């Protein structure tokens, strides 16, 4: 069977353009690939089209909209997931209009599809009391406990993405003062971040007492029972295990939703509350644009209140507004009753 134009362009996009030209990470490419896997499943199950025979002209803006609605309604995907899939499709069609201008109008129609507005639920982050209580319930008296305490401490102290923690190797740890971690972020961009002395001591103790391959600098820092690096799901499992214990003991301080990314949000909010400038937090988190980091400033209600109190004139509750001293106005207002 002769390959279709859609199959040809999609194959080049995923296997050559994204990794070679753009330099995206394997996880990002996998996310883009999943979007098209679901699209082909939709075309097969709903539209009764054979995936091998799908041509580019079939993929109109109307069909893409129906596909997005199918994701949200039939597959119960969240609005953020819907928008993520749409973003992946837009990126592909922007690539396609350069490769073949014959479809430029169709590509522009898809690129013009709006993202669906979603409610702002705010950031999920833990306050300092919750972080301290969480670390306190992880007992380091066993090898598993020491590993888990080190993992959760590094997860918070580094404010790293969960994939960055999973990819950490022994060679990325520097325990000499000043102690640092070398993180590989999105787009394979490396950054060096400092870690606090207690976290550095924990890592040192963990490497000495627990780590089976401490002599091999290429070994993953955190590994499972099979000796392979912890996956993102594995890291989330370890964190949630202790979060559930803490929630049972002190439900008043634990947020409804806690994930490894919540630890990243927590560290960022605590640095902002301590007066660390946003520009430094941006570099610490590995953000490209400062606008991405500004979400923490918008979420910090305590700082907003303090800023307003600094510029506001205090008004006593017992002070009588001027309009109450105007007899004619009061007489007119009373006549309305």
Foldseek 3Di string as FASTA:
>chain_A
DDAAPVVVLVCCVLPPCVCPVVLWDPVVSVLLVVLVVLVLVCCCPPVVDHSRPDYPVVPALVSLVVSLVCCCPVVVDDLVSSLSSLVSLLVSLVVVCVVPVVCVVRSVSSNPDDRDDDDDPAAQAFAPVVLVVLLVVQDPPDLVSLLLSLLSLCLQQLLEDLVQLLQAFQLQWDLPPQTWGWTQDTSRDIAIDGGDNVSSVSLVVSLVPHDPPSVDRNQRSDPDPVRHGQDQVRNFVSSVVSLVVVCVVCVPRHDPDDGSNNSSLHNLLVCVVVPNDLVVNCRSHVHPDSVVSCSSVVRPVVVVVVVCVVPDDDDDPPDDDPQVVDVVSVVVVVVVD
